[in-house]
Amino acid sequence: MITLTRLNGPPFALNCDLIERAEATPDTVLTLVDGTKYVVVESVEEVIRRICEFRASLVALAQHLEVEVRRGPALHVVPDVDHADHQEA
């Protein structure tokens, strides 16, 4: 999600995956896939920059988590003691 500022209101967080188009008319109008429109203070270029930064942060976080998983404790197979006793019988 990115944080934007409504033209005549407070800041809000927007799921940027729902943006269908951004237009400068001259105010920036964001149209979502469901037809909802938001008029925001930020320029189209600024909205695009925030979307790029947000998506880059997701990629960076995913890479960080992948490294953490690789560094995590190794898994070991522990024999099932009850199962082994039954096979010997």
C-alpha atoms as a PDB file:
ATOM      1  CA  MET A   1       0.000   0.000   0.000  1.00  0.00           C
ATOM      2  CA  ILE A   2       1.097   3.542  -0.643  1.00  0.00           C
ATOM      3  CA  THR A   3       0.174   6.666   1.301  1.00  0.00           C
ATOM      4  CA  LEU A   4      -1.316   9.548  -0.659  1.00  0.00           C
ATOM      5  CA  THR A   5      -3.078  12.801   0.223  1.00  0.00           C
ATOM      6  CA  ARG A   6      -6.581  13.610  -0.958  1.00  0.00           C
ATOM      7  CA  LEU A   7      -6.810  16.986  -2.653  1.00  0.00           C
ATOM      8  CA  ASN A   8      -9.342  18.244  -0.081  1.00  0.00           C
ATOM      9  CA  GLY A   9      -8.737  15.858   2.756  1.00  0.00           C
ATOM     10  CA  PRO A  10      -6.458  13.766   4.910  1.00  0.00           C
ATOM     11  CA  PRO A  11      -3.811  11.243   3.859  1.00  0.00           C
ATOM     12  CA  PHE A  12      -4.955   7.700   3.142  1.00  0.00           C
ATOM     13  CA  ALA A  13      -3.388   4.373   2.240  1.00  0.00           C
ATOM     14  CA  LEU A  14      -4.225   2.881  -1.144  1.00  0.00           C
ATOM     15  CA  ASN A  15      -3.674  -0.625  -2.464  1.00  0.00           C
ATOM     16  CA  CYS A  16      -1.674   0.335  -5.550  1.00  0.00           C
ATOM     17  CA  ASP A  17      -2.493  -2.982  -7.245  1.00  0.00           C
ATOM     18  CA  LEU A  18      -6.021  -1.641  -7.733  1.00  0.00           C
ATOM     19  CA  ILE A  19      -4.993   1.434  -9.745  1.00  0.00           C
ATOM     20  CA  GLU A  20      -6.108   1.142 -13.362  1.00  0.00           C
ATOM     21  CA  ARG A  21      -4.887   4.539 -14.511  1.00  0.00           C
ATOM     22  CA  ALA A  22      -3.429   7.820 -13.275  1.00  0.00           C
ATOM     23  CA  GLU A  23      -4.159  11.064 -15.119  1.00  0.00           C
ATOM     24  CA  ALA A  24      -3.024  14.665 -14.717  1.00  0.00           C
ATOM     25  CA  THR A  25      -6.081  16.791 -15.542  1.00  0.00           C
ATOM     26  CA  PRO A  26      -4.230  19.049 -14.166  1.00  0.00           C
ATOM     27  CA  ASP A  27      -5.004  17.510 -10.739  1.00  0.00           C
ATOM     28  CA  THR A  28      -3.922  13.892 -10.382  1.00  0.00           C
ATOM     29  CA  VAL A  29      -6.900  11.585 -10.735  1.00  0.00           C
ATOM     30  CA  LEU A  30      -6.463   7.911  -9.900  1.00  0.00           C
ATOM     31  CA  THR A  31      -9.052   5.529 -11.286  1.00  0.00           C
ATOM     32  CA  LEU A  32      -9.276   2.119  -9.648  1.00  0.00           C
ATOM     33  CA  VAL A  33     -10.306  -1.088 -11.379  1.00  0.00           C
ATOM     34  CA  ASP A  34     -13.796  -0.821  -9.840  1.00  0.00           C
ATOM     35  CA  GLY A  35     -14.274   2.717 -11.214  1.00  0.00           C
ATOM     36  CA  THR A  36     -13.615   4.544  -7.931  1.00  0.00           C
ATOM     37  CA  LYS A  37     -11.766   7.818  -8.499  1.00  0.00           C
ATOM     38  CA  TYR A  38      -9.437   9.638  -6.119  1.00  0.00           C
ATOM     39  CA  VAL A  39      -8.089  13.148  -6.661  1.00  0.00           C
ATOM     40  CA  VAL A  40      -4.735  13.466  -4.903  1.00  0.00           C
ATOM     41  CA  VAL A  41      -2.178  16.186  -4.213  1.00  0.00           C
ATOM     42  CA  GLU A  42       0.753  14.097  -5.495  1.00  0.00           C
ATOM     43  CA  SER A  43       1.751  14.284  -9.162  1.00  0.00           C
ATOM     44  CA  VAL A  44       1.406  11.288 -11.473  1.00  0.00           C
ATOM     45  CA  GLU A  45       5.200  10.984 -11.419  1.00  0.00           C
ATOM     46  CA  GLU A  46       5.213  10.940  -7.589  1.00  0.00           C
ATOM     47  CA  VAL A  47       2.475   8.286  -7.484  1.00  0.00           C
ATOM     48  CA  ILE A  48       4.507   6.133  -9.896  1.00  0.00           C
ATOM     49  CA  ARG A  49       7.661   6.652  -7.799  1.00  0.00           C
ATOM     50  CA  ARG A  50       5.852   5.552  -4.628  1.00  0.00           C
ATOM     51  CA  ILE A  51       4.460   2.481  -6.368  1.00  0.00           C
ATOM     52  CA  CYS A  52       7.945   1.544  -7.627  1.00  0.00           C
ATOM     53  CA  GLU A  53       9.443   2.028  -4.140  1.00  0.00           C
ATOM     54  CA  PHE A  54       6.689  -0.053  -2.558  1.00  0.00           C
ATOM     55  CA  ARG A  55       7.127  -2.917  -5.013  1.00  0.00           C
ATOM     56  CA  ALA A  56      10.921  -2.774  -4.668  1.00  0.00           C
ATOM     57  CA  SER A  57      10.521  -3.003  -0.890  1.00  0.00           C
ATOM     58  CA  LEU A  58       8.449  -6.180  -1.335  1.00  0.00           C
ATOM     59  CA  VAL A  59      11.149  -7.754  -3.502  1.00  0.00           C
ATOM     60  CA  ALA A  60      13.846  -6.748  -0.993  1.00  0.00           C
ATOM     61  CA  LEU A  61      11.827  -8.172   1.897  1.00  0.00           C
ATOM     62  CA  ALA A  62      11.237 -11.429   0.039  1.00  0.00           C
ATOM     63  CA  GLN A  63      14.964 -11.769  -0.661  1.00  0.00           C
ATOM     64  CA  HIS A  64      15.764 -11.040   2.991  1.00  0.00           C
ATOM     65  CA  LEU A  65      13.290 -13.658   4.182  1.00  0.00           C
ATOM     66  CA  GLU A  66      14.696 -16.190   1.715  1.00  0.00           C
ATOM     67  CA  VAL A  67      18.196 -15.654   3.151  1.00  0.00           C
ATOM     68  CA  GLU A  68      16.855 -15.998   6.704  1.00  0.00           C
ATOM     69  CA  VAL A  69      15.194 -19.309   5.829  1.00  0.00           C
ATOM     70  CA  ARG A  70      18.455 -20.619   4.344  1.00  0.00           C
ATOM     71  CA  ARG A  71      20.376 -19.564   7.473  1.00  0.00           C
ATOM     72  CA  GLY A  72      17.780 -21.049   9.806  1.00  0.00           C
ATOM     73  CA  PRO A  73      18.223 -24.232  11.774  1.00  0.00           C
ATOM     74  CA  ALA A  74      18.776 -27.353   9.722  1.00  0.00           C
ATOM     75  CA  LEU A  75      16.027 -29.940   9.760  1.00  0.00           C
ATOM     76  CA  HIS A  76      16.883 -33.412  11.004  1.00  0.00           C
ATOM     77  CA  VAL A  77      14.969 -36.652  10.597  1.00  0.00           C
ATOM     78  CA  VAL A  78      14.183 -38.184  13.957  1.00  0.00           C
ATOM     79  CA  PRO A  79      13.219 -41.855  13.839  1.00  0.00           C
ATOM     80  CA  ASP A  80       9.805 -42.748  15.172  1.00  0.00           C
ATOM     81  CA  VAL A  81      10.708 -44.899  18.202  1.00  0.00           C
ATOM     82  CA  ASP A  82       7.261 -46.465  18.484  1.00  0.00           C
ATOM     83  CA  HIS A  83       7.251 -47.384  14.793  1.00  0.00           C
ATOM     84  CA  ALA A  84      10.688 -49.011  15.018  1.00  0.00           C
ATOM     85  CA  ASP A  85       9.590 -51.136  18.029  1.00  0.00           C
ATOM     86  CA  HIS A  86       6.597 -52.479  16.126  1.00  0.00           C
ATOM     87  CA  GLN A  87       8.657 -53.506  13.098  1.00  0.00           C
ATOM     88  CA  GLU A  88      11.039 -55.605  15.188  1.00  0.00           C
ATOM     89  CA  ALA A  89       8.192 -57.598  16.735  1.00  0.00           C
END
